[in-house]
Amino acid sequence: MIHACVFDLDGTLLNSLKDIANSTNYALAHNGYQPCPVDQYRSFVGDGLEVLIRRVLGPNYTTEAGILLVNDFNFYYGSHYSEFTLPYNGVPELLQSLLAHGLKLAVLSNKPDGFVKVIIKELFPDTDFTVIQGKTDKFAHKPDPASLENVMRELGVKTGETLYIGDSDIDIHTAHNAKLKAVGVTWGFRERSELEAAGADYIVDSPEDILKLVYNIDRLGS
């Protein structure tokens, strides 16, 4: 029986691509680099801020440049994180339905922890997440399973009672590394083919499908 759902944030709960792109492009322009098209960020995000900066700089990356861009990103994103960012259609309703069915909810993201907590409180003020966890120095980035295992400890649930839900291969690998079933969502930043290639146990096309999936897993016991 499923007792908890752990969600990725960007591309899963929130369509945040434009604010992430705008903040990164601000950092690029502020340091004399050319900005990148917003849509290109679909393949840049997911592995944390430092990796995002490495990807946008490409061959221009140096440790010094990386530090400057991370600082400028944080400065700009700190006041623009919700300028265009919104929950995907149907996500708030899904979360309330899961809570009404007695499930525990958590968020696990590679985004810096401070941003994750502020954004969740602002954009999901009525949703009772038991755990909200972003990237900290305590754990390695996803797909390392340590952060997800910590979330499960805080939730008080076992692997067979938990689903991890995300939009990228990173999320699928994170779930499997922690011995969880992985649910891939097709409305996020990556393609269905990436989720399939990563070995997602389930792929859903709408938030409502997650509620149906939980019900079917409980009914079938698989």
N, C-alpha and C. Protein backbone atom coordinates (compact mmCIF):
# COMPACT_ATOMS: atom_id res chain seq x y z
N MET A 1 0.85 -1.20 0.00
CA MET A 1 0.00 0.00 0.00
C MET A 1 0.88 1.25 0.00
N ILE A 2 0.49 2.25 -0.77
CA ILE A 2 1.26 3.48 -0.84
C ILE A 2 0.84 4.42 0.28
N HIS A 3 1.84 4.85 1.08
CA HIS A 3 1.58 5.75 2.20
C HIS A 3 2.16 7.14 1.97
N ALA A 4 3.06 7.28 0.98
CA ALA A 4 3.71 8.58 0.78
C ALA A 4 4.09 8.78 -0.68
N CYS A 5 3.99 10.04 -1.12
CA CYS A 5 4.47 10.44 -2.44
C CYS A 5 5.51 11.54 -2.25
N VAL A 6 6.68 11.33 -2.83
CA VAL A 6 7.75 12.32 -2.79
C VAL A 6 7.88 12.90 -4.20
N PHE A 7 7.82 14.23 -4.31
CA PHE A 7 7.81 14.89 -5.60
C PHE A 7 9.09 15.68 -5.84
N ASP A 8 9.59 15.60 -7.07
CA ASP A 8 10.53 16.59 -7.57
C ASP A 8 9.78 17.92 -7.66
N LEU A 9 10.50 19.02 -7.78
CA LEU A 9 9.85 20.34 -7.80
C LEU A 9 9.73 20.91 -9.21
N ASP A 10 10.87 21.33 -9.79
CA ASP A 10 10.85 22.00 -11.09
C ASP A 10 10.54 21.01 -12.21
N GLY A 11 9.52 21.31 -13.00
CA GLY A 11 9.13 20.42 -14.07
C GLY A 11 8.18 19.32 -13.64
N THR A 12 7.89 19.26 -12.35
CA THR A 12 6.98 18.23 -11.82
C THR A 12 5.79 18.89 -11.12
N LEU A 13 6.06 19.66 -10.09
CA LEU A 13 5.01 20.43 -9.44
C LEU A 13 4.86 21.81 -10.07
N LEU A 14 5.98 22.39 -10.49
CA LEU A 14 5.98 23.78 -10.97
C LEU A 14 6.57 23.91 -12.36
N ASN A 15 5.94 24.75 -13.17
CA ASN A 15 6.54 25.17 -14.43
C ASN A 15 7.36 26.43 -14.13
N SER A 16 8.61 26.23 -13.88
CA SER A 16 9.51 27.30 -13.42
C SER A 16 10.59 27.63 -14.44
N LEU A 17 10.47 27.10 -15.64
CA LEU A 17 11.57 27.19 -16.60
C LEU A 17 11.93 28.63 -16.94
N LYS A 18 10.93 29.48 -17.15
CA LYS A 18 11.24 30.85 -17.58
C LYS A 18 11.96 31.63 -16.51
N ASP A 19 11.57 31.48 -15.25
CA ASP A 19 12.27 32.21 -14.18
C ASP A 19 13.70 31.70 -14.00
N ILE A 20 13.90 30.40 -14.13
CA ILE A 20 15.26 29.85 -14.05
C ILE A 20 16.10 30.36 -15.22
N ALA A 21 15.52 30.34 -16.42
CA ALA A 21 16.24 30.82 -17.60
C ALA A 21 16.56 32.30 -17.49
N ASN A 22 15.58 33.10 -17.09
CA ASN A 22 15.81 34.54 -16.97
C ASN A 22 16.89 34.86 -15.95
N SER A 23 16.90 34.12 -14.85
CA SER A 23 17.89 34.37 -13.80
C SER A 23 19.29 33.97 -14.26
N THR A 24 19.36 32.86 -14.99
CA THR A 24 20.67 32.44 -15.51
C THR A 24 21.14 33.39 -16.59
N ASN A 25 20.24 33.82 -17.44
CA ASN A 25 20.62 34.77 -18.50
C ASN A 25 21.04 36.12 -17.93
N TYR A 26 20.42 36.52 -16.82
CA TYR A 26 20.89 37.73 -16.13
C TYR A 26 22.35 37.55 -15.70
N ALA A 27 22.65 36.41 -15.10
CA ALA A 27 24.02 36.15 -14.65
C ALA A 27 24.99 36.11 -15.82
N LEU A 28 24.57 35.48 -16.91
CA LEU A 28 25.43 35.44 -18.10
C LEU A 28 25.71 36.85 -18.62
N ALA A 29 24.65 37.64 -18.82
CA ALA A 29 24.82 38.98 -19.37
C ALA A 29 25.63 39.87 -18.45
N HIS A 30 25.44 39.72 -17.15
CA HIS A 30 26.15 40.54 -16.17
C HIS A 30 27.65 40.27 -16.20
N ASN A 31 28.02 39.09 -16.72
CA ASN A 31 29.44 38.73 -16.78
C ASN A 31 29.97 38.67 -18.21
N GLY A 32 29.21 39.25 -19.15
CA GLY A 32 29.70 39.40 -20.51
C GLY A 32 29.49 38.22 -21.43
N TYR A 33 28.61 37.30 -21.07
CA TYR A 33 28.33 36.13 -21.90
C TYR A 33 26.98 36.27 -22.59
N GLN A 34 26.81 35.55 -23.67
CA GLN A 34 25.56 35.58 -24.41
C GLN A 34 24.49 34.75 -23.69
N PRO A 35 23.25 35.26 -23.63
CA PRO A 35 22.17 34.48 -23.02
C PRO A 35 21.79 33.29 -23.89
N CYS A 36 21.07 32.34 -23.31
CA CYS A 36 20.61 31.14 -24.03
C CYS A 36 19.09 31.21 -24.20
N PRO A 37 18.56 30.64 -25.27
CA PRO A 37 17.10 30.59 -25.44
C PRO A 37 16.45 29.85 -24.27
N VAL A 38 15.27 30.32 -23.88
CA VAL A 38 14.59 29.73 -22.72
C VAL A 38 14.40 28.23 -22.91
N ASP A 39 13.99 27.81 -24.09
CA ASP A 39 13.68 26.40 -24.29
C ASP A 39 14.91 25.52 -24.13
N GLN A 40 16.08 26.07 -24.35
CA GLN A 40 17.31 25.29 -24.22
C GLN A 40 17.55 24.86 -22.77
N TYR A 41 16.97 25.58 -21.85
CA TYR A 41 17.15 25.26 -20.43
C TYR A 41 16.47 23.97 -20.04
N ARG A 42 15.59 23.45 -20.89
CA ARG A 42 14.96 22.17 -20.58
C ARG A 42 15.99 21.07 -20.38
N SER A 43 17.06 21.14 -21.12
CA SER A 43 18.11 20.12 -21.00
C SER A 43 19.23 20.53 -20.05
N PHE A 44 19.19 21.77 -19.56
CA PHE A 44 20.24 22.26 -18.66
C PHE A 44 19.90 22.01 -17.20
N VAL A 45 18.61 22.05 -16.85
CA VAL A 45 18.22 21.99 -15.44
C VAL A 45 18.10 20.55 -14.96
N GLY A 46 18.06 20.40 -13.64
CA GLY A 46 17.80 19.09 -13.05
C GLY A 46 18.90 18.56 -12.16
N ASP A 47 20.14 19.02 -12.38
CA ASP A 47 21.28 18.49 -11.62
C ASP A 47 21.83 19.48 -10.62
N GLY A 48 21.09 20.54 -10.34
CA GLY A 48 21.57 21.52 -9.39
C GLY A 48 22.15 22.75 -10.07
N LEU A 49 22.28 23.83 -9.29
CA LEU A 49 22.69 25.12 -9.84
C LEU A 49 24.10 25.10 -10.40
N GLU A 50 25.03 24.47 -9.70
CA GLU A 50 26.42 24.48 -10.17
C GLU A 50 26.54 23.79 -11.53
N VAL A 51 25.83 22.69 -11.71
CA VAL A 51 25.87 21.98 -12.99
C VAL A 51 25.19 22.80 -14.08
N LEU A 52 24.08 23.46 -13.73
CA LEU A 52 23.42 24.35 -14.68
C LEU A 52 24.40 25.40 -15.20
N ILE A 53 25.16 26.01 -14.32
CA ILE A 53 26.11 27.04 -14.73
C ILE A 53 27.22 26.44 -15.60
N ARG A 54 27.68 25.25 -15.26
CA ARG A 54 28.68 24.59 -16.10
C ARG A 54 28.14 24.38 -17.52
N ARG A 55 26.88 23.99 -17.61
CA ARG A 55 26.29 23.69 -18.92
C ARG A 55 26.12 24.95 -19.77
N VAL A 56 25.67 26.04 -19.16
CA VAL A 56 25.46 27.24 -19.96
C VAL A 56 26.78 27.87 -20.39
N LEU A 57 27.81 27.73 -19.57
CA LEU A 57 29.11 28.29 -19.94
C LEU A 57 29.87 27.41 -20.93
N GLY A 58 29.64 26.10 -20.86
CA GLY A 58 30.32 25.20 -21.79
C GLY A 58 31.83 25.35 -21.71
N PRO A 59 32.49 25.56 -22.87
CA PRO A 59 33.95 25.66 -22.86
C PRO A 59 34.48 26.92 -22.16
N ASN A 60 33.59 27.86 -21.88
CA ASN A 60 34.02 29.08 -21.18
C ASN A 60 34.07 28.90 -19.66
N TYR A 61 33.70 27.70 -19.19
CA TYR A 61 33.63 27.50 -17.75
C TYR A 61 35.01 27.51 -17.10
N THR A 62 35.11 28.26 -16.01
CA THR A 62 36.24 28.19 -15.09
C THR A 62 35.64 28.22 -13.68
N THR A 63 36.43 27.83 -12.71
CA THR A 63 35.94 27.87 -11.34
C THR A 63 35.54 29.28 -10.93
N GLU A 64 36.36 30.26 -11.31
CA GLU A 64 36.06 31.65 -10.97
C GLU A 64 34.78 32.13 -11.63
N ALA A 65 34.63 31.83 -12.92
CA ALA A 65 33.42 32.24 -13.63
C ALA A 65 32.19 31.56 -13.04
N GLY A 66 32.33 30.29 -12.67
CA GLY A 66 31.22 29.57 -12.08
C GLY A 66 30.74 30.20 -10.79
N ILE A 67 31.68 30.60 -9.95
CA ILE A 67 31.33 31.24 -8.68
C ILE A 67 30.60 32.56 -8.92
N LEU A 68 31.10 33.35 -9.86
CA LEU A 68 30.47 34.64 -10.16
C LEU A 68 29.04 34.46 -10.66
N LEU A 69 28.83 33.49 -11.55
CA LEU A 69 27.50 33.29 -12.10
C LEU A 69 26.53 32.70 -11.08
N VAL A 70 27.01 31.82 -10.24
CA VAL A 70 26.14 31.28 -9.17
C VAL A 70 25.68 32.42 -8.26
N ASN A 71 26.60 33.30 -7.89
CA ASN A 71 26.24 34.42 -7.02
C ASN A 71 25.25 35.36 -7.69
N ASP A 72 25.47 35.64 -8.97
CA ASP A 72 24.55 36.52 -9.69
C ASP A 72 23.19 35.87 -9.91
N PHE A 73 23.19 34.58 -10.17
CA PHE A 73 21.92 33.86 -10.29
C PHE A 73 21.13 33.98 -8.99
N ASN A 74 21.78 33.69 -7.87
CA ASN A 74 21.11 33.73 -6.58
C ASN A 74 20.57 35.13 -6.28
N PHE A 75 21.34 36.15 -6.63
CA PHE A 75 20.90 37.53 -6.41
C PHE A 75 19.62 37.82 -7.20
N TYR A 76 19.61 37.47 -8.46
CA TYR A 76 18.45 37.78 -9.32
C TYR A 76 17.27 36.88 -9.00
N TYR A 77 17.53 35.59 -8.85
CA TYR A 77 16.45 34.63 -8.61
C TYR A 77 15.76 34.89 -7.27
N GLY A 78 16.49 35.44 -6.32
CA GLY A 78 15.94 35.71 -5.01
C GLY A 78 14.75 36.65 -5.03
N SER A 79 14.64 37.49 -6.06
CA SER A 79 13.50 38.40 -6.16
C SER A 79 12.66 38.16 -7.42
N HIS A 80 12.98 37.09 -8.16
CA HIS A 80 12.24 36.80 -9.40
C HIS A 80 11.83 35.33 -9.50
N TYR A 81 11.88 34.59 -8.40
CA TYR A 81 11.64 33.15 -8.47
C TYR A 81 10.19 32.79 -8.80
N SER A 82 9.27 33.72 -8.60
CA SER A 82 7.87 33.40 -8.89
C SER A 82 7.23 34.41 -9.85
N GLU A 83 8.07 35.08 -10.63
CA GLU A 83 7.54 36.06 -11.58
C GLU A 83 6.67 35.39 -12.64
N PHE A 84 7.12 34.24 -13.14
CA PHE A 84 6.36 33.49 -14.13
C PHE A 84 6.02 32.08 -13.67
N THR A 85 6.58 31.65 -12.56
CA THR A 85 6.43 30.28 -12.09
C THR A 85 5.05 30.03 -11.52
N LEU A 86 4.43 28.92 -11.94
CA LEU A 86 3.12 28.53 -11.46
C LEU A 86 3.04 27.01 -11.35
N PRO A 87 2.17 26.51 -10.48
CA PRO A 87 1.92 25.07 -10.47
C PRO A 87 1.32 24.63 -11.81
N TYR A 88 1.65 23.43 -12.24
CA TYR A 88 1.01 22.88 -13.43
C TYR A 88 -0.47 22.67 -13.15
N ASN A 89 -1.27 22.78 -14.20
CA ASN A 89 -2.71 22.58 -14.07
C ASN A 89 -3.01 21.22 -13.46
N GLY A 90 -3.84 21.22 -12.45
CA GLY A 90 -4.24 19.98 -11.81
C GLY A 90 -3.37 19.54 -10.66
N VAL A 91 -2.19 20.14 -10.49
CA VAL A 91 -1.29 19.72 -9.42
C VAL A 91 -1.82 20.08 -8.04
N PRO A 92 -2.28 21.31 -7.79
CA PRO A 92 -2.81 21.60 -6.44
C PRO A 92 -3.96 20.67 -6.07
N GLU A 93 -4.83 20.38 -7.03
CA GLU A 93 -5.96 19.48 -6.77
C GLU A 93 -5.48 18.06 -6.46
N LEU A 94 -4.46 17.61 -7.19
CA LEU A 94 -3.88 16.29 -6.93
C LEU A 94 -3.36 16.21 -5.50
N LEU A 95 -2.60 17.21 -5.09
CA LEU A 95 -2.00 17.20 -3.76
C LEU A 95 -3.07 17.15 -2.68
N GLN A 96 -4.12 17.92 -2.84
CA GLN A 96 -5.19 17.91 -1.85
C GLN A 96 -5.90 16.55 -1.83
N SER A 97 -6.07 15.95 -2.99
CA SER A 97 -6.71 14.63 -3.05
C SER A 97 -5.87 13.57 -2.37
N LEU A 98 -4.56 13.62 -2.58
CA LEU A 98 -3.67 12.66 -1.93
C LEU A 98 -3.72 12.81 -0.41
N LEU A 99 -3.71 14.06 0.05
CA LEU A 99 -3.81 14.29 1.49
C LEU A 99 -5.14 13.79 2.04
N ALA A 100 -6.21 14.02 1.28
CA ALA A 100 -7.54 13.57 1.71
C ALA A 100 -7.61 12.06 1.82
N HIS A 101 -6.79 11.36 1.02
CA HIS A 101 -6.75 9.90 1.06
C HIS A 101 -5.75 9.39 2.12
N GLY A 102 -5.19 10.30 2.89
CA GLY A 102 -4.33 9.90 4.00
C GLY A 102 -2.87 9.73 3.67
N LEU A 103 -2.44 10.14 2.48
CA LEU A 103 -1.03 10.00 2.13
C LEU A 103 -0.20 11.15 2.69
N LYS A 104 1.06 10.86 2.99
CA LYS A 104 2.01 11.89 3.35
C LYS A 104 2.68 12.41 2.08
N LEU A 105 2.99 13.70 2.07
CA LEU A 105 3.61 14.33 0.90
C LEU A 105 4.96 14.93 1.27
N ALA A 106 5.89 14.87 0.31
CA ALA A 106 7.20 15.49 0.49
C ALA A 106 7.70 16.03 -0.84
N VAL A 107 8.62 16.97 -0.75
CA VAL A 107 9.30 17.52 -1.93
C VAL A 107 10.79 17.29 -1.75
N LEU A 108 11.42 16.80 -2.82
CA LEU A 108 12.87 16.64 -2.84
C LEU A 108 13.41 17.19 -4.14
N SER A 109 14.26 18.20 -4.04
CA SER A 109 14.75 18.90 -5.23
C SER A 109 16.26 19.11 -5.15
N ASN A 110 16.88 19.25 -6.32
CA ASN A 110 18.29 19.64 -6.38
C ASN A 110 18.45 21.16 -6.32
N LYS A 111 17.36 21.91 -6.31
CA LYS A 111 17.42 23.35 -6.14
C LYS A 111 17.87 23.65 -4.71
N PRO A 112 18.60 24.74 -4.49
CA PRO A 112 19.04 25.07 -3.13
C PRO A 112 17.88 25.08 -2.14
N ASP A 113 18.14 24.54 -0.95
CA ASP A 113 17.09 24.30 0.03
C ASP A 113 16.33 25.57 0.42
N GLY A 114 17.03 26.67 0.55
CA GLY A 114 16.36 27.91 0.94
C GLY A 114 15.32 28.33 -0.07
N PHE A 115 15.65 28.25 -1.34
CA PHE A 115 14.68 28.58 -2.39
C PHE A 115 13.50 27.62 -2.37
N VAL A 116 13.78 26.33 -2.20
CA VAL A 116 12.71 25.33 -2.22
C VAL A 116 11.68 25.63 -1.14
N LYS A 117 12.13 25.89 0.05
CA LYS A 117 11.20 26.13 1.17
C LYS A 117 10.37 27.39 0.95
N VAL A 118 11.00 28.46 0.48
CA VAL A 118 10.27 29.72 0.24
C VAL A 118 9.24 29.54 -0.87
N ILE A 119 9.64 28.88 -1.96
CA ILE A 119 8.75 28.72 -3.10
C ILE A 119 7.55 27.84 -2.75
N ILE A 120 7.79 26.76 -2.04
CA ILE A 120 6.68 25.88 -1.65
C ILE A 120 5.69 26.63 -0.76
N LYS A 121 6.18 27.38 0.20
CA LYS A 121 5.28 28.11 1.09
C LYS A 121 4.48 29.16 0.34
N GLU A 122 5.09 29.78 -0.66
CA GLU A 122 4.39 30.83 -1.41
C GLU A 122 3.39 30.26 -2.41
N LEU A 123 3.78 29.21 -3.13
CA LEU A 123 2.95 28.72 -4.23
C LEU A 123 2.04 27.56 -3.84
N PHE A 124 2.31 26.95 -2.70
CA PHE A 124 1.43 25.88 -2.19
C PHE A 124 1.09 26.17 -0.73
N PRO A 125 0.50 27.32 -0.43
CA PRO A 125 0.28 27.71 0.96
C PRO A 125 -0.69 26.82 1.72
N ASP A 126 -1.55 26.13 0.99
CA ASP A 126 -2.58 25.31 1.64
C ASP A 126 -2.26 23.81 1.63
N THR A 127 -1.04 23.46 1.19
CA THR A 127 -0.67 22.05 1.10
C THR A 127 0.26 21.67 2.25
N ASP A 128 -0.11 20.63 2.97
CA ASP A 128 0.64 20.21 4.14
C ASP A 128 1.69 19.17 3.75
N PHE A 129 2.85 19.65 3.31
CA PHE A 129 3.97 18.76 3.03
C PHE A 129 4.65 18.40 4.36
N THR A 130 4.84 17.12 4.59
CA THR A 130 5.52 16.70 5.81
C THR A 130 7.00 17.04 5.77
N VAL A 131 7.62 16.90 4.59
CA VAL A 131 9.04 17.19 4.41
C VAL A 131 9.21 18.03 3.16
N ILE A 132 10.01 19.11 3.27
CA ILE A 132 10.39 19.93 2.12
C ILE A 132 11.90 20.02 2.14
N GLN A 133 12.56 19.43 1.17
CA GLN A 133 14.02 19.33 1.21
C GLN A 133 14.63 19.68 -0.14
N GLY A 134 15.48 20.68 -0.12
CA GLY A 134 16.28 21.02 -1.29
C GLY A 134 17.72 20.61 -1.07
N LYS A 135 18.60 21.10 -1.94
CA LYS A 135 20.02 20.74 -1.84
C LYS A 135 20.67 21.45 -0.67
N THR A 136 21.33 20.66 0.16
CA THR A 136 22.14 21.18 1.26
C THR A 136 23.51 20.49 1.21
N ASP A 137 24.39 20.94 2.07
CA ASP A 137 25.72 20.32 2.13
C ASP A 137 25.69 18.94 2.79
N LYS A 138 24.55 18.57 3.37
CA LYS A 138 24.45 17.30 4.07
C LYS A 138 24.44 16.10 3.13
N PHE A 139 23.91 16.31 1.92
CA PHE A 139 23.73 15.19 1.00
C PHE A 139 24.20 15.57 -0.40
N ALA A 140 24.64 14.56 -1.15
CA ALA A 140 25.01 14.77 -2.55
C ALA A 140 23.77 15.03 -3.38
N HIS A 141 23.98 15.59 -4.57
CA HIS A 141 22.87 15.82 -5.49
C HIS A 141 22.20 14.51 -5.87
N LYS A 142 20.89 14.56 -6.16
CA LYS A 142 20.27 13.46 -6.88
C LYS A 142 21.05 13.26 -8.18
N PRO A 143 21.26 12.05 -8.64
CA PRO A 143 20.58 10.80 -8.29
C PRO A 143 21.17 10.00 -7.14
N ASP A 144 22.15 10.56 -6.42
CA ASP A 144 22.58 9.89 -5.19
C ASP A 144 21.36 9.71 -4.30
N PRO A 145 21.16 8.53 -3.73
CA PRO A 145 19.92 8.25 -3.01
C PRO A 145 19.86 8.78 -1.58
N ALA A 146 20.97 9.31 -1.06
CA ALA A 146 21.01 9.66 0.36
C ALA A 146 19.94 10.66 0.76
N SER A 147 19.71 11.67 -0.07
CA SER A 147 18.71 12.69 0.27
C SER A 147 17.30 12.10 0.28
N LEU A 148 17.01 11.21 -0.66
CA LEU A 148 15.70 10.57 -0.70
C LEU A 148 15.53 9.62 0.48
N GLU A 149 16.57 8.90 0.81
CA GLU A 149 16.51 8.02 1.98
C GLU A 149 16.27 8.81 3.26
N ASN A 150 16.86 10.00 3.34
CA ASN A 150 16.62 10.85 4.51
C ASN A 150 15.17 11.32 4.57
N VAL A 151 14.62 11.69 3.42
CA VAL A 151 13.21 12.09 3.37
C VAL A 151 12.31 10.96 3.85
N MET A 152 12.61 9.74 3.43
CA MET A 152 11.80 8.60 3.84
C MET A 152 11.89 8.37 5.35
N ARG A 153 13.06 8.56 5.91
CA ARG A 153 13.20 8.43 7.36
C ARG A 153 12.34 9.46 8.08
N GLU A 154 12.36 10.68 7.58
CA GLU A 154 11.55 11.73 8.21
C GLU A 154 10.06 11.46 8.04
N LEU A 155 9.68 10.86 6.93
CA LEU A 155 8.28 10.52 6.70
C LEU A 155 7.85 9.30 7.52
N GLY A 156 8.82 8.46 7.88
CA GLY A 156 8.51 7.24 8.60
C GLY A 156 7.89 6.18 7.72
N VAL A 157 8.36 6.08 6.46
CA VAL A 157 7.80 5.12 5.51
C VAL A 157 8.90 4.22 4.96
N LYS A 158 8.49 3.08 4.39
CA LYS A 158 9.40 2.12 3.80
C LYS A 158 9.39 2.25 2.27
N THR A 159 10.33 1.55 1.64
CA THR A 159 10.46 1.67 0.19
C THR A 159 9.20 1.22 -0.54
N GLY A 160 8.60 0.13 -0.11
CA GLY A 160 7.42 -0.38 -0.79
C GLY A 160 6.17 0.44 -0.57
N GLU A 161 6.27 1.42 0.32
CA GLU A 161 5.13 2.28 0.64
C GLU A 161 5.24 3.66 0.01
N THR A 162 6.28 3.87 -0.80
CA THR A 162 6.61 5.22 -1.26
C THR A 162 6.80 5.25 -2.77
N LEU A 163 6.30 6.32 -3.40
CA LEU A 163 6.57 6.60 -4.80
C LEU A 163 7.39 7.88 -4.91
N TYR A 164 8.37 7.87 -5.84
CA TYR A 164 9.07 9.11 -6.16
C TYR A 164 8.66 9.54 -7.55
N ILE A 165 8.30 10.82 -7.68
CA ILE A 165 7.65 11.32 -8.89
C ILE A 165 8.46 12.49 -9.44
N GLY A 166 8.86 12.40 -10.72
CA GLY A 166 9.63 13.47 -11.33
C GLY A 166 9.54 13.46 -12.83
N ASP A 167 10.21 14.43 -13.45
CA ASP A 167 10.07 14.62 -14.90
C ASP A 167 11.33 14.29 -15.70
N SER A 168 12.39 13.80 -15.04
CA SER A 168 13.64 13.59 -15.75
C SER A 168 14.27 12.25 -15.41
N ASP A 169 15.29 11.90 -16.20
CA ASP A 169 16.01 10.66 -15.93
C ASP A 169 16.69 10.71 -14.56
N ILE A 170 17.10 11.91 -14.13
CA ILE A 170 17.69 12.06 -12.80
C ILE A 170 16.73 11.56 -11.73
N ASP A 171 15.46 11.91 -11.88
CA ASP A 171 14.46 11.50 -10.89
C ASP A 171 14.23 9.99 -10.91
N ILE A 172 14.20 9.42 -12.10
CA ILE A 172 14.01 7.97 -12.21
C ILE A 172 15.18 7.24 -11.57
N HIS A 173 16.39 7.69 -11.85
CA HIS A 173 17.57 7.04 -11.27
C HIS A 173 17.64 7.24 -9.76
N THR A 174 17.22 8.41 -9.29
CA THR A 174 17.20 8.65 -7.85
C THR A 174 16.29 7.66 -7.15
N ALA A 175 15.08 7.49 -7.69
CA ALA A 175 14.13 6.54 -7.11
C ALA A 175 14.71 5.14 -7.08
N HIS A 176 15.25 4.70 -8.21
CA HIS A 176 15.77 3.33 -8.28
C HIS A 176 16.99 3.13 -7.39
N ASN A 177 17.81 4.16 -7.27
CA ASN A 177 18.97 4.05 -6.38
C ASN A 177 18.55 3.89 -4.93
N ALA A 178 17.36 4.41 -4.61
CA ALA A 178 16.82 4.27 -3.25
C ALA A 178 15.86 3.10 -3.13
N LYS A 179 15.79 2.27 -4.18
CA LYS A 179 14.94 1.06 -4.21
C LYS A 179 13.44 1.39 -4.19
N LEU A 180 13.07 2.54 -4.78
CA LEU A 180 11.66 2.93 -4.89
C LEU A 180 11.16 2.75 -6.30
N LYS A 181 9.84 2.66 -6.45
CA LYS A 181 9.21 2.74 -7.75
C LYS A 181 9.24 4.19 -8.21
N ALA A 182 9.54 4.38 -9.50
CA ALA A 182 9.69 5.71 -10.07
C ALA A 182 8.53 6.02 -11.00
N VAL A 183 7.94 7.20 -10.82
CA VAL A 183 6.86 7.68 -11.67
C VAL A 183 7.38 8.85 -12.49
N GLY A 184 7.35 8.74 -13.80
CA GLY A 184 7.75 9.84 -14.68
C GLY A 184 6.55 10.60 -15.18
N VAL A 185 6.62 11.93 -15.16
CA VAL A 185 5.53 12.77 -15.65
C VAL A 185 5.94 13.39 -16.99
N THR A 186 4.97 13.42 -17.91
CA THR A 186 5.28 13.88 -19.28
C THR A 186 5.03 15.35 -19.50
N TRP A 187 4.50 16.07 -18.50
CA TRP A 187 4.19 17.49 -18.70
C TRP A 187 5.36 18.40 -18.33
N GLY A 188 6.49 17.82 -17.93
CA GLY A 188 7.60 18.63 -17.44
C GLY A 188 8.58 19.07 -18.52
N PHE A 189 9.86 19.14 -18.15
CA PHE A 189 10.88 19.70 -19.01
C PHE A 189 11.47 18.70 -20.00
N ARG A 190 11.31 17.41 -19.75
CA ARG A 190 11.97 16.40 -20.57
C ARG A 190 10.95 15.58 -21.37
N GLU A 191 11.44 14.78 -22.29
CA GLU A 191 10.58 14.00 -23.18
C GLU A 191 10.25 12.64 -22.57
N ARG A 192 9.13 12.09 -23.03
CA ARG A 192 8.73 10.75 -22.62
C ARG A 192 9.84 9.74 -22.90
N SER A 193 10.51 9.90 -24.04
CA SER A 193 11.56 8.95 -24.43
C SER A 193 12.67 8.89 -23.38
N GLU A 194 12.98 10.02 -22.75
CA GLU A 194 14.00 10.03 -21.70
C GLU A 194 13.54 9.22 -20.49
N LEU A 195 12.28 9.36 -20.13
CA LEU A 195 11.73 8.62 -18.99
C LEU A 195 11.71 7.12 -19.28
N GLU A 196 11.36 6.77 -20.51
CA GLU A 196 11.34 5.36 -20.91
C GLU A 196 12.74 4.78 -20.89
N ALA A 197 13.70 5.52 -21.44
CA ALA A 197 15.08 5.03 -21.50
C ALA A 197 15.66 4.87 -20.09
N ALA A 198 15.24 5.70 -19.17
CA ALA A 198 15.75 5.63 -17.79
C ALA A 198 15.11 4.48 -17.01
N GLY A 199 14.04 3.89 -17.55
CA GLY A 199 13.42 2.75 -16.90
C GLY A 199 12.33 3.09 -15.90
N ALA A 200 11.59 4.19 -16.17
CA ALA A 200 10.50 4.57 -15.27
C ALA A 200 9.53 3.40 -15.10
N ASP A 201 9.11 3.14 -13.87
CA ASP A 201 8.17 2.05 -13.60
C ASP A 201 6.78 2.41 -14.11
N TYR A 202 6.45 3.70 -14.01
CA TYR A 202 5.17 4.19 -14.50
C TYR A 202 5.40 5.55 -15.17
N ILE A 203 4.63 5.84 -16.21
CA ILE A 203 4.67 7.15 -16.85
C ILE A 203 3.24 7.67 -16.92
N VAL A 204 3.05 8.91 -16.45
CA VAL A 204 1.70 9.49 -16.41
C VAL A 204 1.67 10.77 -17.23
N ASP A 205 0.48 11.05 -17.78
CA ASP A 205 0.31 12.20 -18.67
C ASP A 205 -0.46 13.34 -18.03
N SER A 206 -0.99 13.13 -16.84
CA SER A 206 -1.73 14.20 -16.16
C SER A 206 -1.64 13.97 -14.66
N PRO A 207 -1.75 15.04 -13.86
CA PRO A 207 -1.74 14.86 -12.40
C PRO A 207 -2.82 13.89 -11.92
N GLU A 208 -3.97 13.92 -12.55
CA GLU A 208 -5.05 13.01 -12.14
C GLU A 208 -4.62 11.55 -12.26
N ASP A 209 -3.75 11.27 -13.24
CA ASP A 209 -3.29 9.90 -13.43
C ASP A 209 -2.51 9.38 -12.22
N ILE A 210 -1.88 10.28 -11.47
CA ILE A 210 -1.14 9.85 -10.29
C ILE A 210 -2.08 9.33 -9.23
N LEU A 211 -3.20 10.00 -9.04
CA LEU A 211 -4.20 9.52 -8.08
C LEU A 211 -4.74 8.16 -8.49
N LYS A 212 -5.00 7.99 -9.78
CA LYS A 212 -5.47 6.70 -10.29
C LYS A 212 -4.41 5.62 -10.08
N LEU A 213 -3.15 5.99 -10.30
CA LEU A 213 -2.05 5.05 -10.14
C LEU A 213 -1.95 4.57 -8.69
N VAL A 214 -2.00 5.49 -7.76
CA VAL A 214 -1.94 5.12 -6.34
C VAL A 214 -3.08 4.19 -5.99
N TYR A 215 -4.26 4.49 -6.48
CA TYR A 215 -5.43 3.64 -6.21
C TYR A 215 -5.22 2.24 -6.78
N ASN A 216 -4.73 2.16 -8.01
CA ASN A 216 -4.55 0.86 -8.66
C ASN A 216 -3.45 0.03 -8.00
N ILE A 217 -2.36 0.69 -7.58
CA ILE A 217 -1.30 -0.02 -6.87
C ILE A 217 -1.84 -0.62 -5.57
N ASP A 218 -2.62 0.19 -4.85
CA ASP A 218 -3.19 -0.31 -3.59
C ASP A 218 -4.18 -1.44 -3.84
N ARG A 219 -4.97 -1.32 -4.90
CA ARG A 219 -5.99 -2.33 -5.19
C ARG A 219 -5.36 -3.64 -5.64
N LEU A 220 -4.32 -3.51 -6.47
CA LEU A 220 -3.68 -4.72 -7.02
C LEU A 220 -2.56 -5.25 -6.15
N GLY A 221 -2.08 -4.37 -5.26
CA GLY A 221 -0.99 -4.80 -4.38
C GLY A 221 0.31 -4.99 -5.12
N SER A 222 0.54 -4.11 -6.14
CA SER A 222 1.77 -4.24 -6.93
C SER A 222 2.31 -2.86 -7.28
